[in-house]
Amino acid sequence: MPQNSVRSLAADAEGFVWIATENGLARFDGQRFNVFDKSFVGTTSNRFYMLSPSMNPTRAGRPGQQKPGREIYAAADYNQFVKIEHGIAKVDSLYYKSKILTLPHFDNGNPQTLISAGIPTYLRYVARPSYYIIPDSYGEGKYYVIDSASVQLYHGGRKLYQTAFVTDSLPLWWNYFMLGDQLYYAGESGKVLGINAHGVRSVHIAGDILRDNQYDGQFGGMKVFWNITSDQLFFYHHKKLYVVSEERKRGLTTRLVLDGYDLDEQVIQSVYRDSATETIFLGSPSKGLFVLTKHTFEALTSTEPDIANVYYATVPMGDRSILTPMGVVLSKDPVSGQITTRKVPVLEALYMGDKRSLFYDRHGLLWVKMGDFLYQVDLQANGVLHKWNFHTEIKHIYPDQGGKVWIATGTKGIYTLDPSEKDPQPKLIRDVIKGTYLQTFGDDMLVGTTTGLYVFNRHSGEANLIKSTEGIYIKSLYVDKVNRIWMTANGEGLLMYEKDKLTRFPLDRNRYLGSPHCIVDDGRGFFWIPTDKGLFQIAVQDLLDHVRAPFDLFYLYHAKEEGFLTNEFNGGCQPCASTLKDGTVSLPSLNGLIWFRPDKVIRKVPSAGIVLDRILVNRQWLMSLGDTLVLPANPVQARFFFSTPYYGDAYNLNLSYALLDEGEPVQASDWIPIQSNDFSIVFSNLDHGRHTLLVRKVNGFGKDNHTIRKICVIVPPLWYQTWWAKILLAIVLAGGFYLYNSFRLRKISKEKARLEEIVAKRTESLNLALRDVEESKNEMSRQLHMLSRLLASMTHDIQSPLNYIMLTSGSIPAMIDKGELGVVSEIGQVISNSSRRMSDLLRGLLDYIKVHVYGNSIQFENVALRQLVENKYELFKTASEQKGNVFENEVPADLTVPSDAQMLAIMVHNLLDNAVKFTHNGTIRVTAAGDTGSGVVMHISNPGAGIPLHVIDIVNTPDRGEDTDEEMRPLGRKTGLGLLIVKEVAVLIGVRLHVSSEAEQTCFTLQFNAARTV
């Protein structure tokens, strides 16, 4: 708080308590104070002196109705009024002029007109007004104007009624108060008077105040606390505070809400009571704010030393008493509330420090364990009936429905004992199970252990471990009406087993439920679970709903501020809770027994709304608050401060937040718990754009019971993040890219042209080289082709004649010796002719090779065909005539052809040689004729054996270079090198060669190129 000078306090529509002090306006949310000083609210002074209801016509209704739009005002010095709405305070500069100065008797500036600030008021001893105005608007615009003779009710500027009212003495303005829409006056006669349009009447006071022995029925000894802003009325009488309510027929009814607290000693001037939590706020002008919380839990302790007040197992004894294994009985008088203790001698004598287990059997006898010993005690007779020694520590004892007693030991296993037997003795049922808790389950017995839960058949003795509980330390068991098994487990919290399925319920955020002791079902839909850190209240339906579809469970936490002496409860005992006949539950703790009535416990659930208090952005406070926020550009750090009014334990406040881009749906994983004590959220470097900030608070029990505050957060972009900057940047980038590309393209074009020129030159060189290579290749291929043909025909044209000459010449000596000179002469002539033909063939071949191999140029000239034929035939004339052939040269004497004389002579030589060779007693004819269209055509024909078809095909087929295998074959025995040379020479000098062989007539046709000229 800014100062201890509390002048007025009240609650707003959201549930915050506002405190007017002389050093600022404070707001209390149950956990912390927020101060609204002049720098925040905009006033000139920090001195606030009252809170009052709004006189604006908002039609929001009276306090407690929680209608939207309800507002209150805080008055500061210099006639400045601050409006309080939606949890925020801001100066309203028009309120004084538009509302206050328009009230009757204010318009002329009359200083004797005062506005009520409630009762008591600091003005009581300093002001003597002539007119007293009591606002009754609460959004309706009504107010009372009171003078020394009458009471007038106004609505705006219109008077609704006027009632004459004169006090016995001087007007006691401070005795007027209101409740609801009724005006009252505490008269000097000790009566309360009601004033309305029908007149003045005496009001009856009823309720708890009548049960006060010190109340004499007169109002004179009472003190009135009237909170005009919160519409609450209290009577204070002899350290007892009564809240007053209105009953139309009975008048005013009182209810005691505070007893034994001296308000006068604390100089209390303002009172406000939160009806939901029954928390009382007291304001003192010198001692500050007092917050009184009602204790719905009570700790019962004995007068023994502290260790004696450490309790474990207990059982009820009578209607309002609890019995402990120590033999101590604690009781509370239902009328006086006094706590008493007494001792049971027989139990006191048996007590050896073991407080863990006891129970009553069906006959009312008490069973209690002490270490290794088990006792059956008759409390009425104050004596021990039976005693058994198990020679090992007994952990728990428990009766089943049939009256048998089950005993769980620490080392020896599970025993049963039947008290109905004549001499009952314990029987070992199972020696391998070391139980920590026992509970019947139909015909079975549930045995909790440190390593899991066993189901024990009480008839067969068969025990089975529930696999899903293996390794779990079971602290306690509870079976509900529909046979669901509930468990508390060390480190695990609350568990449920149903239909072969084990459910683990989530722990609270600090994991207090990780140390649970037992489960108490209050029969009203709640489980109560004591722990080492306080008491939890859990809705059973929430747990069942969570099994079907998990959601955020709400656990209501109760701590020692509600009446415990310590937050540490005790467990590991059976039973660990007792319920008295009136429903009071007794829980053992480390300091006393904690008693409470579940139906009387105030469920302080945080059901109020969420308020955005302020925002700190880049170390500057953002003053404009609302559901849409515009932050400064580039918020390096933005801190949002939230609050919610809650007057219970702060541990029950569970807030989380999610920050989303606008339009993005929220997912369960998006929620982040708010861990800070001031409920602040910090964001660093928020991106520009529109964001949605969601703040969620769990309101209490029930599935999806949330309050969500939605805030649109707008972060404006920096200049370089704006759309026009992006467009400009895009244009600049596009322009730069274009210019760069243009420059690059020009450079590339130049480089390309240069490279193309280089490539063209190199390509030309390569083409020339390739052409030369190709020509060389073709020439080589042609030469290889020619040589292959020469080699193929060499045997036929040269080697065979040489062999013949060799053979015949070798036989000449023998013939001479025999005197066969005529034969020798013929052989000599044959050798001479063969040698001459081979000589001519080789001469033609050499001429052909010179041209073909050494590249001698071919010289075209006009060649006289007739003379050429005559000259060549002279070489073969003798041989031809010896064969009886006739030669006819029918070539015209003046016919010439453009050709190479030497090459053409080779062709004619070979063709005539071929004709002579294959003709016997025939006519060798040579003809030639000229044609203007086809040129000169010459025919050389002879009779004789026809040329084979494959040779005709080879001669008539144009040369295809080096490819076919057919041209590589020998021409046959009847053809040889001559025909090959003829064909090759014909190609060289451009003569088309064709051969035909029909009816024993062979004809070679030579067609000279008509277009060629010399």
Foldseek 3Di string as FASTA:
>chain_A
DQAQQFQEWDAFLLGWIWTFAQQFIWTDQQQDIDTQACVFQVDPGRHWHAKAWDLAQQVQDAFPPSRAPGWIWIAGPPRWIWIAHQNATHTDPCCCVVPVCQDPPNVVPDPQEDEDRFPPHPCQPPHDHQWYKYDPPSNQNKIWIDGQFWIWIDRRPRTPAIETDHAPDGDRNNQWADANNWIWGCHPFQFIWTQDRVYIDTFAEEEPVVVDPPDPRGNVQWGWGARNHNRWIWIDHPQWIWTWDQDPVRGIYTDTLTHDHDCVVQQWTHWDADVQQRWIWTGHSHRHIDIDGAFQKAFAFDPDPLQVQFAFDWEDDPFAWIAWLCQKIWGADPPPRDIDIDGLVLSNVVEDPDGFEKDAFPVRWIWDDHFQKIWTHDSVVSGTDDMDGNVFGWQYWDADPVRKIWTATQQQGIWIWHVVDPDIDIDHLDGPARFLEWDDQVQWIWGFAQAAIWTARPPPSDIDGLVVGGNWHWQYWDQDPVGWIWTQTAQQAIWIDDPSDIDGDDAAPVRQSNAWAYWDDLVPQWTWTQGQQFIWIFGNVLVVVCVVPNDDGAIQTDACSSHDPHSGFDHSHVPQWYAGPVSWIWGGGSGGIMIHRVVPNNRQFQQGAKGWHWKQFPNDTDSDDDQEEEDEAFRQKMKIFMGRRGNHDPSRKWKWKAKAAPPDDDDPVRTDTQDDPRSMDMDGGDDADKMKMKMWIQGHGDGPRIHIRIHIYGHHYDPCPDPVNVVVVVVVVVVVVVVVVVVVVVVVVVVVVVVVVVVVVVVVVVVVVVVVVVVVVLLVLQVVLLVLQQVQFVCQLPVVLVVVLVVLVVCLVVCVVVVVVVVVVVSVVVNVLSVLLSVLLVVLVVVLCCCSPVVDDFAWDWDQVLVLLVVLVVSCVVLLVVLQEAEEEAEDRPHTATWRSSLVSLLSNLVVVLQSVFAGNKYWYWYWDADLVQGIKIKTKIFGDFQDPLLQVLLQDQDPGNDDVSSSHHRDNSDGDSSVSNSVSCVVTVWRWHWDADPRMIMIMTGHHSPDDD
